[in-house]
N, C-alpha and C. Protein backbone atom coordinates (compact mmCIF):
# COMPACT_ATOMS: atom_id res chain seq x y z
N UNK A 1 -12.09 79.03 182.92
CA UNK A 1 -10.48 78.78 183.03
C UNK A 1 -9.77 79.53 181.83
N UNK A 2 -8.73 78.94 182.52
CA UNK A 2 -7.11 79.86 182.43
C UNK A 2 -6.16 78.91 182.37
N UNK A 3 -5.21 79.06 181.81
CA UNK A 3 -3.99 78.50 182.06
C UNK A 3 -3.12 79.38 182.46
N UNK A 4 -2.10 79.19 182.82
CA UNK A 4 -0.74 80.73 183.55
C UNK A 4 0.37 79.51 183.01
N UNK A 5 0.82 80.62 182.01
CA UNK A 5 2.87 80.25 181.41
C UNK A 5 3.60 80.15 182.24
N UNK A 6 4.07 79.30 182.74
CA UNK A 6 5.51 79.21 183.91
C UNK A 6 6.62 79.53 182.69
N UNK A 7 7.68 79.22 183.06
CA UNK A 7 9.25 79.49 182.57
C UNK A 7 9.31 78.16 182.66
N UNK A 8 10.00 77.59 181.11
CA UNK A 8 9.85 76.15 180.76
C UNK A 8 11.01 75.39 181.66
N UNK A 9 10.33 74.25 181.93
CA UNK A 9 11.08 73.35 183.37
C UNK A 9 10.52 71.92 182.38
N UNK A 10 10.98 71.12 183.46
CA UNK A 10 10.88 69.42 182.91
C UNK A 10 9.47 68.59 183.95
N UNK A 11 8.64 69.08 183.60
CA UNK A 11 7.48 69.01 184.64
C UNK A 11 6.64 67.64 183.07
N UNK A 12 7.30 67.16 182.59
CA UNK A 12 6.63 66.73 181.70
C UNK A 12 6.51 65.27 182.74
N UNK A 13 5.04 64.35 183.15
CA UNK A 13 4.76 63.82 183.84
C UNK A 13 3.63 62.85 184.10
N UNK A 14 3.14 62.01 184.05
CA UNK A 14 4.73 60.93 185.09
C UNK A 14 5.59 60.57 184.14
N UNK A 15 6.62 59.63 184.55
CA UNK A 15 7.69 58.99 184.67
C UNK A 15 8.53 58.06 185.83
N UNK A 16 8.22 56.76 184.65
CA UNK A 16 9.05 55.88 185.79
C UNK A 16 10.04 56.14 186.36
N UNK A 17 10.19 56.15 188.03
CA UNK A 17 10.74 55.91 188.55
C UNK A 17 11.82 54.65 188.58
N UNK A 18 12.49 54.92 187.36
CA UNK A 18 13.37 53.09 187.37
C UNK A 18 15.03 53.08 188.35
N UNK A 19 14.51 52.74 188.82
CA UNK A 19 15.90 51.79 189.35
C UNK A 19 17.07 51.28 188.41
N UNK A 20 18.00 52.25 187.95
CA UNK A 20 18.99 51.81 186.99
C UNK A 20 20.28 50.67 187.38
N UNK A 21 20.39 49.45 187.56
CA UNK A 21 21.82 48.65 187.94
C UNK A 21 22.93 48.72 186.53
N UNK A 22 23.61 48.83 187.58
CA UNK A 22 25.28 49.16 186.61
C UNK A 22 26.40 48.32 187.40
N UNK A 23 27.53 48.14 187.05
CA UNK A 23 28.79 46.98 187.79
C UNK A 23 28.73 45.82 187.34
N UNK A 24 29.00 44.90 188.21
CA UNK A 24 28.50 43.62 187.90
C UNK A 24 28.27 43.31 188.76
N UNK A 25 27.83 41.99 189.88
CA UNK A 25 27.70 40.77 190.21
C UNK A 25 28.29 41.28 191.08
N UNK A 26 29.49 41.18 191.65
CA UNK A 26 30.44 41.20 192.70
C UNK A 26 31.06 42.47 193.22
N UNK A 27 30.56 43.91 192.23
CA UNK A 27 30.70 45.49 192.72
C UNK A 27 29.08 45.94 191.79
N UNK A 28 27.88 45.37 192.46
CA UNK A 28 26.99 46.78 191.91
C UNK A 28 26.96 47.40 192.25
N UNK A 29 25.45 48.18 191.27
CA UNK A 29 25.46 49.41 192.34
C UNK A 29 23.98 50.01 191.79
N UNK A 30 23.42 50.66 192.09
CA UNK A 30 21.63 51.23 191.62
C UNK A 30 21.64 52.71 192.12
N UNK A 31 20.81 53.41 190.74
CA UNK A 31 20.65 54.79 190.81
C UNK A 31 19.29 54.44 189.97
N UNK A 32 18.43 55.71 191.10
CA UNK A 32 17.16 56.08 190.73
C UNK A 32 16.99 57.65 189.88
N UNK A 33 16.70 57.13 188.94
CA UNK A 33 16.47 57.77 187.98
C UNK A 33 15.21 58.25 187.29
N UNK A 34 14.30 59.36 186.84
CA UNK A 34 13.17 59.73 186.61
C UNK A 34 13.26 59.97 184.43
N UNK A 35 14.29 60.22 184.34
CA UNK A 35 14.86 60.70 182.75
C UNK A 35 15.06 59.61 182.11
N UNK A 36 14.16 58.94 181.68
CA UNK A 36 13.78 57.40 181.12
C UNK A 36 12.67 57.52 179.47
N UNK A 37 12.99 56.98 178.70
CA UNK A 37 11.75 56.21 178.10
C UNK A 37 12.67 55.41 176.62
N UNK A 38 10.62 55.61 176.00
CA UNK A 38 11.17 54.46 175.19
C UNK A 38 11.47 55.81 173.70
N UNK A 39 12.56 54.98 172.78
CA UNK A 39 12.82 55.72 171.86
C UNK A 39 12.25 54.74 170.50
N UNK A 40 12.87 53.64 170.40
CA UNK A 40 12.62 53.48 169.72
C UNK A 40 12.00 51.78 169.99
N UNK A 41 10.73 51.25 168.84
CA UNK A 41 10.33 50.05 168.46
C UNK A 41 11.29 48.96 167.46
N UNK A 42 12.17 49.29 167.20
CA UNK A 42 12.90 47.70 165.90
C UNK A 42 13.66 48.66 165.86
N UNK A 43 15.48 47.92 165.99
CA UNK A 43 14.80 48.05 167.09
C UNK A 43 14.71 48.54 168.52
N UNK A 44 14.48 47.28 169.62
CA UNK A 44 13.52 47.75 170.98
C UNK A 44 14.87 49.14 171.29
N UNK A 45 14.11 50.34 171.51
CA UNK A 45 15.84 51.23 171.78
C UNK A 45 15.39 52.63 173.25
N UNK A 46 16.36 52.45 174.20
CA UNK A 46 15.39 53.80 175.56
C UNK A 46 17.04 54.71 175.79
N UNK A 47 17.00 54.89 176.35
CA UNK A 47 17.56 55.89 177.43
C UNK A 47 18.03 56.01 178.53
N UNK A 48 18.61 56.43 179.42
CA UNK A 48 18.57 57.06 180.56
C UNK A 48 19.30 58.59 180.15
N UNK A 49 19.35 59.65 181.66
CA UNK A 49 20.07 60.98 181.20
C UNK A 49 20.91 60.65 183.35
N UNK A 50 22.07 60.94 183.27
CA UNK A 50 22.21 60.81 184.48
C UNK A 50 23.47 62.05 184.53
N UNK A 51 23.40 62.38 185.46
CA UNK A 51 24.38 63.76 185.91
C UNK A 51 25.53 63.35 186.13
N UNK A 52 26.41 63.69 185.69
CA UNK A 52 28.06 63.64 185.65
C UNK A 52 28.62 62.87 186.56
N UNK A 53 27.66 64.12 188.22
CA UNK A 53 28.65 63.77 189.35
C UNK A 53 28.24 62.71 190.27
N UNK A 54 27.37 61.80 189.10
CA UNK A 54 27.26 60.08 190.34
C UNK A 54 27.62 59.92 189.76
N UNK A 55 27.93 58.27 190.65
CA UNK A 55 29.45 57.95 190.91
C UNK A 55 28.23 56.86 189.72
N UNK A 56 27.11 56.99 189.69
CA UNK A 56 27.02 55.18 188.35
C UNK A 56 27.26 55.25 186.84
N UNK A 57 27.66 57.37 187.00
CA UNK A 57 27.77 57.27 185.33
C UNK A 57 28.99 57.32 184.94
N UNK A 58 30.86 57.03 185.71
CA UNK A 58 31.51 56.88 185.38
C UNK A 58 30.88 55.31 185.01
N UNK A 59 30.89 54.46 185.69
CA UNK A 59 30.55 53.42 185.72
C UNK A 59 29.61 52.54 184.39
N UNK A 60 28.70 53.80 183.75
CA UNK A 60 27.81 53.19 183.07
C UNK A 60 28.03 53.64 181.83
N UNK A 61 29.46 55.01 181.19
CA UNK A 61 30.49 55.19 180.48
C UNK A 61 31.24 53.88 180.46
N UNK A 62 32.18 53.33 181.54
CA UNK A 62 33.19 52.58 180.89
C UNK A 62 32.55 51.38 180.71
N UNK A 63 31.23 50.90 181.24
CA UNK A 63 31.10 49.56 180.72
C UNK A 63 30.26 49.74 179.89
N UNK A 64 29.93 50.61 179.30
CA UNK A 64 28.79 50.73 178.27
C UNK A 64 27.07 49.53 178.27
N UNK A 65 26.88 49.48 179.26
CA UNK A 65 25.98 48.50 179.58
C UNK A 65 24.77 49.03 181.44
N UNK A 66 24.15 48.86 181.11
CA UNK A 66 22.44 49.20 182.30
C UNK A 66 21.72 48.12 182.50
N UNK A 67 20.64 48.03 182.92
CA UNK A 67 19.77 47.48 183.53
C UNK A 67 18.85 48.47 184.14
N UNK A 68 17.58 48.52 183.27
CA UNK A 68 16.44 49.13 183.69
C UNK A 68 15.11 48.65 184.77
N UNK A 69 15.07 48.60 185.91
CA UNK A 69 14.13 47.65 187.04
C UNK A 69 12.98 48.72 186.80
N UNK A 70 12.59 48.17 186.59
CA UNK A 70 10.72 49.26 187.37
C UNK A 70 9.80 48.73 188.70
N UNK A 71 10.22 49.91 189.25
CA UNK A 71 9.56 49.18 190.68
C UNK A 71 8.32 49.34 190.90
N UNK A 72 7.79 48.15 192.05
CA UNK A 72 6.64 48.57 191.95
C UNK A 72 6.24 49.08 193.71
N UNK A 73 5.17 48.88 194.42
CA UNK A 73 4.56 49.17 195.84
C UNK A 73 5.54 48.95 196.67
N UNK A 74 6.40 47.98 196.67
CA UNK A 74 6.78 46.88 197.43
C UNK A 74 8.37 47.41 197.41
N UNK A 75 8.84 48.08 196.03
CA UNK A 75 10.08 48.13 196.10
C UNK A 75 10.24 50.02 196.40
N UNK A 76 8.54 50.92 196.62
CA UNK A 76 9.02 52.35 197.38
C UNK A 76 10.24 52.73 198.09
N UNK A 77 10.59 52.19 199.35
CA UNK A 77 11.71 52.65 200.24
C UNK A 77 12.77 53.02 199.33
N UNK A 78 13.16 51.85 198.81
CA UNK A 78 14.18 50.82 198.53
C UNK A 78 15.05 52.47 197.02
N UNK A 79 13.69 52.33 196.33
CA UNK A 79 13.07 53.46 195.13
C UNK A 79 13.96 54.30 195.60
N UNK A 80 13.05 55.47 196.77
CA UNK A 80 13.11 56.55 196.78
C UNK A 80 15.16 56.87 197.53
N UNK A 81 15.33 55.62 198.59
CA UNK A 81 16.93 55.30 199.39
C UNK A 81 18.11 55.54 198.11
N UNK A 82 17.76 54.46 196.62
CA UNK A 82 18.78 54.44 195.85
C UNK A 82 18.76 55.59 195.15
N UNK A 83 17.53 56.85 194.79
CA UNK A 83 17.82 58.01 194.96
C UNK A 83 18.56 58.91 195.08
N UNK A 84 18.81 58.83 196.66
CA UNK A 84 19.31 60.55 197.34
C UNK A 84 20.45 59.64 198.41
N UNK A 85 20.98 58.24 198.08
CA UNK A 85 22.31 57.96 198.41
C UNK A 85 23.30 57.10 197.84
N UNK A 86 24.26 57.73 197.08
CA UNK A 86 25.58 57.01 196.98
C UNK A 86 26.24 55.94 197.50
N UNK A 87 26.44 55.46 195.67
CA UNK A 87 27.11 54.00 195.55
C UNK A 87 28.57 54.51 196.16
N UNK A 88 28.89 55.85 195.96
CA UNK A 88 30.28 56.01 197.09
C UNK A 88 30.64 55.92 197.91
N UNK A 89 29.60 55.80 199.19
CA UNK A 89 29.62 55.71 200.36
C UNK A 89 28.83 54.27 201.03
N UNK A 90 28.07 53.66 199.95
CA UNK A 90 27.03 52.37 201.09
C UNK A 90 26.96 51.71 200.02
N UNK A 91 26.85 50.49 199.85
CA UNK A 91 26.67 49.17 199.08
C UNK A 91 24.87 48.95 199.57
N UNK A 92 24.64 49.96 198.34
CA UNK A 92 22.98 49.98 197.81
C UNK A 92 22.10 48.77 198.36
N UNK A 93 23.33 47.63 197.49
CA UNK A 93 22.12 46.39 197.60
C UNK A 93 21.89 45.58 198.94
N UNK A 94 23.04 45.78 199.19
CA UNK A 94 23.02 45.30 201.09
C UNK A 94 22.80 46.09 201.66
N UNK A 95 22.00 47.46 201.70
CA UNK A 95 21.62 48.13 202.76
C UNK A 95 20.36 48.31 202.84
N UNK A 96 20.34 48.30 201.35
CA UNK A 96 18.69 48.22 200.96
C UNK A 96 17.67 46.22 201.32
N UNK A 97 18.57 45.33 201.36
CA UNK A 97 18.29 44.44 201.04
C UNK A 97 17.63 43.98 199.81
N UNK A 98 17.78 44.32 198.76
CA UNK A 98 18.26 44.25 197.22
C UNK A 98 18.90 43.10 196.76
N UNK A 99 18.27 41.70 196.11
CA UNK A 99 19.24 41.13 195.61
C UNK A 99 19.44 41.72 194.36
N UNK A 100 20.97 41.39 193.76
CA UNK A 100 21.59 41.23 192.59
C UNK A 100 21.73 40.09 191.60
N UNK A 101 21.04 39.53 190.53
CA UNK A 101 21.16 38.28 190.16
C UNK A 101 21.66 38.60 188.08
N UNK A 102 21.82 37.51 188.24
CA UNK A 102 22.91 37.81 186.60
C UNK A 102 21.41 37.83 185.75
N UNK A 103 22.36 38.51 184.78
CA UNK A 103 21.45 38.80 183.72
C UNK A 103 21.66 38.12 182.34
N UNK A 104 20.96 37.69 181.11
CA UNK A 104 21.20 36.86 179.93
C UNK A 104 22.26 37.44 179.00
N UNK A 105 22.31 38.68 178.90
CA UNK A 105 22.96 39.19 178.13
C UNK A 105 24.34 40.40 178.58
N UNK A 106 23.46 41.03 179.56
CA UNK A 106 24.19 42.38 179.78
C UNK A 106 25.58 41.47 181.13
N UNK A 107 26.48 41.91 181.56
CA UNK A 107 27.14 41.71 182.37
C UNK A 107 26.82 42.56 184.13
N UNK A 108 26.23 43.57 184.33
CA UNK A 108 25.31 44.40 184.25
C UNK A 108 24.60 43.44 185.30
N UNK A 109 23.82 43.83 187.05
CA UNK A 109 22.44 42.61 187.27
C UNK A 109 21.61 43.73 187.56
N UNK A 110 20.72 42.61 187.00
CA UNK A 110 18.93 42.65 187.18
C UNK A 110 18.65 42.81 189.40
N UNK A 111 18.11 43.50 189.45
CA UNK A 111 17.30 43.88 190.61
C UNK A 111 15.92 42.19 190.59
N UNK A 112 16.55 41.45 191.22
CA UNK A 112 15.73 39.58 191.03
C UNK A 112 14.10 40.67 192.26
N UNK A 113 13.66 41.27 192.64
CA UNK A 113 12.71 42.05 193.03
C UNK A 113 12.02 43.14 192.12
N UNK A 114 12.11 43.49 191.41
CA UNK A 114 11.48 43.94 190.57
C UNK A 114 10.42 43.59 190.00
N UNK A 115 9.52 43.83 188.86
CA UNK A 115 8.42 42.83 188.33
C UNK A 115 8.87 43.01 186.68
N UNK A 116 9.69 44.03 185.97
CA UNK A 116 10.37 43.93 184.87
C UNK A 116 11.69 44.99 184.90
N UNK A 117 13.02 43.95 183.97
CA UNK A 117 14.42 44.46 184.46
C UNK A 117 14.96 44.56 183.26
N UNK A 118 14.53 44.94 182.34
CA UNK A 118 15.47 45.97 180.90
C UNK A 118 17.05 45.55 180.61
N UNK A 119 17.58 45.06 180.08
CA UNK A 119 19.02 44.42 179.98
C UNK A 119 18.99 45.73 178.89
N UNK A 120 20.13 46.75 179.25
CA UNK A 120 20.38 47.65 177.80
C UNK A 120 21.89 47.53 177.68
N UNK A 121 22.50 47.53 176.41
CA UNK A 121 23.53 48.63 175.96
C UNK A 121 24.11 49.36 175.45
N UNK A 122 24.68 50.20 175.52
CA UNK A 122 24.55 51.95 175.49
C UNK A 122 25.21 51.58 174.07
N UNK A 123 24.27 52.46 172.89
CA UNK A 123 24.98 53.10 171.88
C UNK A 123 25.52 54.27 171.44
N UNK A 124 25.32 55.36 172.12
CA UNK A 124 26.19 56.34 171.71
C UNK A 124 25.93 57.33 173.75
N UNK A 125 26.92 57.86 173.95
CA UNK A 125 26.39 58.72 174.71
C UNK A 125 26.64 60.76 174.11
N UNK A 126 24.98 61.64 174.75
CA UNK A 126 25.30 62.57 174.00
C UNK A 126 25.26 63.45 175.38
N UNK A 127 26.42 64.28 174.89
CA UNK A 127 26.70 65.40 176.79
C UNK A 127 25.31 66.13 176.30
N UNK A 128 24.92 66.60 177.26
CA UNK A 128 24.19 67.59 177.78
C UNK A 128 24.81 69.06 178.94
N UNK A 129 23.52 70.02 179.18
CA UNK A 129 24.24 70.89 179.72
C UNK A 129 24.46 69.87 181.33
N UNK A 130 23.57 69.53 181.82
CA UNK A 130 23.09 69.10 183.25
C UNK A 130 23.40 67.47 183.38
N UNK A 131 23.22 66.19 182.23
CA UNK A 131 22.86 65.25 182.27
C UNK A 131 24.07 65.16 181.00
N UNK A 132 24.34 63.39 181.11
CA UNK A 132 24.42 62.84 179.38
C UNK A 132 23.67 62.06 179.68
N UNK A 133 23.61 61.41 178.39
CA UNK A 133 22.38 60.84 177.40
C UNK A 133 22.67 59.40 176.84
N UNK A 134 22.38 58.51 177.33
CA UNK A 134 22.92 56.85 177.16
C UNK A 134 22.00 56.77 176.52
N UNK A 135 21.61 56.66 175.31
CA UNK A 135 21.09 55.47 173.85
C UNK A 135 21.32 54.38 174.18
N UNK A 136 20.64 53.43 174.21
CA UNK A 136 21.49 52.41 174.71
C UNK A 136 19.65 51.26 173.51
N UNK A 137 20.45 49.94 173.75
CA UNK A 137 19.09 49.01 172.66
C UNK A 137 18.96 48.25 173.91
N UNK A 138 17.53 48.09 173.94
CA UNK A 138 17.11 46.78 174.68
C UNK A 138 17.44 45.83 173.98
N UNK A 139 18.17 44.70 175.12
CA UNK A 139 18.83 42.92 174.51
C UNK A 139 17.97 42.05 175.43
N UNK A 140 17.28 42.11 176.20
CA UNK A 140 16.30 41.10 176.79
C UNK A 140 15.98 42.20 177.56
N UNK A 141 14.57 41.31 178.24
CA UNK A 141 13.80 41.77 178.94
C UNK A 141 13.32 40.01 179.80
N UNK A 142 13.36 41.16 181.33
CA UNK A 142 13.55 39.92 182.37
C UNK A 142 12.30 40.23 183.19
N UNK A 143 10.91 39.69 183.24
CA UNK A 143 9.60 39.29 184.36
C UNK A 143 9.45 38.35 185.01
N UNK A 144 8.56 38.65 186.37
CA UNK A 144 8.76 38.22 187.17
C UNK A 144 7.55 37.54 186.63
N UNK A 145 7.72 35.80 186.62
CA UNK A 145 6.15 35.28 186.33
C UNK A 145 5.55 34.94 186.67
N UNK A 146 4.93 36.07 187.99
CA UNK A 146 3.81 35.45 189.11
C UNK A 146 2.64 36.79 188.55
N UNK A 147 3.84 37.66 187.55
CA UNK A 147 2.07 38.64 186.30
C UNK A 147 2.38 37.89 185.90
N UNK A 148 2.29 36.58 185.56
CA UNK A 148 1.85 35.77 183.83
C UNK A 148 1.05 34.88 184.33
N UNK A 149 0.05 34.34 183.26
CA UNK A 149 -0.96 33.82 183.24
C UNK A 149 -0.64 32.39 182.76
N UNK A 150 -1.52 31.55 182.74
CA UNK A 150 -1.25 30.35 182.07
C UNK A 150 -0.86 30.45 180.56
N UNK A 151 -1.24 31.20 179.71
CA UNK A 151 -1.41 31.08 177.90
C UNK A 151 0.38 32.29 177.79
N UNK A 152 0.57 32.42 178.92
CA UNK A 152 2.23 33.59 178.76
C UNK A 152 1.53 34.67 178.53
N UNK A 153 0.49 35.32 179.37
CA UNK A 153 0.31 37.25 178.79
C UNK A 153 0.95 37.02 180.40
N UNK A 154 1.57 38.69 179.64
CA UNK A 154 2.15 39.41 180.88
C UNK A 154 0.78 40.20 181.22
N UNK A 155 0.95 40.26 182.67
CA UNK A 155 -0.55 41.18 183.42
C UNK A 155 0.30 42.80 184.48
N UNK A 156 1.16 43.11 183.20
CA UNK A 156 1.77 43.31 184.94
C UNK A 156 0.96 44.89 185.02
N UNK A 157 0.24 45.44 184.93
CA UNK A 157 -1.45 46.14 185.84
C UNK A 157 -1.26 45.65 186.79
N UNK A 158 -0.75 44.54 187.06
CA UNK A 158 -1.31 43.87 188.62
C UNK A 158 0.32 44.17 189.78
N UNK A 159 0.72 44.63 188.84
CA UNK A 159 2.45 44.67 190.11
C UNK A 159 2.58 45.61 190.43
N UNK A 160 2.12 47.04 190.75
CA UNK A 160 1.59 47.90 191.06
C UNK A 160 2.56 48.70 191.44
N UNK A 161 2.82 49.12 189.51
CA UNK A 161 4.51 49.58 189.06
C UNK A 161 3.86 51.02 190.14
N UNK A 162 4.87 52.00 190.19
CA UNK A 162 5.07 53.42 191.12
C UNK A 162 5.35 54.19 189.46
N UNK A 163 5.22 55.32 189.97
CA UNK A 163 5.11 57.07 188.85
C UNK A 163 5.57 57.58 189.41
N UNK A 164 6.28 58.68 189.29
CA UNK A 164 7.06 59.83 189.65
C UNK A 164 6.49 61.27 188.92
N UNK A 165 5.74 61.74 190.17
CA UNK A 165 5.22 63.26 189.35
C UNK A 165 5.23 63.72 190.05
N UNK A 166 6.01 64.94 189.67
CA UNK A 166 6.24 66.46 190.61
C UNK A 166 6.90 66.10 191.07
N UNK A 167 7.77 65.36 191.88
CA UNK A 167 8.49 65.30 193.48
C UNK A 167 7.87 64.57 194.11
N UNK A 168 6.75 63.39 193.95
CA UNK A 168 6.08 62.57 194.49
C UNK A 168 6.22 61.61 194.17
N UNK A 169 6.16 60.37 194.50
CA UNK A 169 6.36 58.92 193.97
C UNK A 169 4.45 58.45 194.41
N UNK A 170 3.81 57.62 193.76
CA UNK A 170 2.19 57.19 193.49
C UNK A 170 2.33 55.70 192.65
N UNK A 171 1.36 54.84 192.93
CA UNK A 171 0.87 53.83 192.47
C UNK A 171 0.14 53.95 191.25
N UNK A 172 0.11 53.09 190.24
CA UNK A 172 -0.49 53.17 189.04
C UNK A 172 -1.95 53.22 189.15
N UNK A 173 -3.14 53.41 189.00
CA UNK A 173 -4.47 54.39 188.80
C UNK A 173 -5.36 52.64 188.41
N UNK A 174 -6.03 53.28 187.44
CA UNK A 174 -7.65 52.59 187.86
C UNK A 174 -7.28 52.29 186.15
N UNK A 175 -7.98 50.81 185.16
CA UNK A 175 -7.93 50.62 183.63
C UNK A 175 -9.06 51.97 183.80
N UNK A 176 -8.42 51.38 182.33
CA UNK A 176 -9.95 52.85 181.07
C UNK A 176 -9.84 52.51 180.32
N UNK A 177 -9.14 51.70 179.94
CA UNK A 177 -9.09 50.89 178.16
C UNK A 177 -8.38 50.34 177.69
N UNK A 178 -7.78 49.99 176.47
CA UNK A 178 -6.48 48.89 175.78
C UNK A 178 -6.21 50.56 175.18
N UNK A 179 -5.24 50.47 174.10
CA UNK A 179 -5.24 51.49 172.95
C UNK A 179 -5.94 51.30 171.97
N UNK A 180 -6.64 52.05 171.77
CA UNK A 180 -7.73 52.65 170.28
C UNK A 180 -9.24 51.97 171.40
N UNK A 181 -9.35 52.47 172.75
CA UNK A 181 -11.01 52.41 173.30
C UNK A 181 -11.87 53.07 172.39
N UNK A 182 -11.00 54.16 172.57
CA UNK A 182 -11.28 55.70 172.38
C UNK A 182 -12.44 55.23 171.01
N UNK A 183 -11.66 54.62 169.46
CA UNK A 183 -12.47 54.80 168.73
C UNK A 183 -13.25 53.31 167.63
N UNK A 184 -12.91 52.69 169.00
CA UNK A 184 -13.06 50.58 169.30
C UNK A 184 -15.09 50.72 168.82
N UNK A 185 -15.36 49.96 168.12
CA UNK A 185 -16.15 49.58 167.36
C UNK A 185 -17.03 48.89 168.45
N UNK A 186 -18.01 49.01 169.56
CA UNK A 186 -19.58 48.36 170.44
C UNK A 186 -19.41 47.08 170.03
N UNK A 187 -19.05 46.34 170.58
CA UNK A 187 -20.13 44.25 169.53
C UNK A 187 -21.57 44.79 169.81
N UNK A 188 -21.96 44.00 169.12
CA UNK A 188 -23.14 44.29 168.91
C UNK A 188 -23.76 42.10 169.75
N UNK A 189 -24.97 41.86 170.57
CA UNK A 189 -25.31 41.08 170.93
C UNK A 189 -25.95 40.03 170.18
N UNK A 190 -25.37 38.20 170.26
CA UNK A 190 -25.79 38.13 169.31
C UNK A 190 -27.43 37.79 169.68
N UNK A 191 -28.48 37.77 168.53
CA UNK A 191 -29.00 37.68 168.25
C UNK A 191 -29.22 36.72 168.67
N UNK A 192 -28.68 34.76 168.17
CA UNK A 192 -29.47 33.83 168.57
C UNK A 192 -29.39 33.40 169.85
N UNK A 193 -27.88 33.80 170.80
CA UNK A 193 -28.00 33.54 171.90
C UNK A 193 -28.89 34.52 172.58
N UNK A 194 -29.21 35.58 172.62
CA UNK A 194 -30.02 36.09 173.72
C UNK A 194 -31.55 35.69 173.13
């Protein structure tokens, strides 16, 4: 086996194809981006990197808030559409049949059909050569109750979330184990019950 060295590039994958909603309930917009992630646990913080020429860039810069909506398989077409069409010329919510719903902590709308929506308030903006990075605190999380059991546990793996890999959309695959499974001690059978 040998590895081939390429020039530097953006091949870190998979990433979530996040559907970022912004604006207001009266004038909502969505853009799909792959440059996002978690950057801090307490308080929970995230970022999105948005090209300066994107229609949503100025909306987010002005309002200082946005919502990261995680799409599932049922939203794949909408996810792609919102990444290639501009809010300057089309009302994406109306065109693709999604529902802009009120949030609890921000005036930007969430996408009602998304399994998870993270309400975010911008803390800072870092100008980069091709994008601006909006660093934000996650101030509320909205989850679809159909992925919760009667004990309040979230089973997000049942949502069919999307992943974006090198220009393609995929759904998440099979369960391999929980965090720490590689070092977890195996339980010994109870001899009394055996």
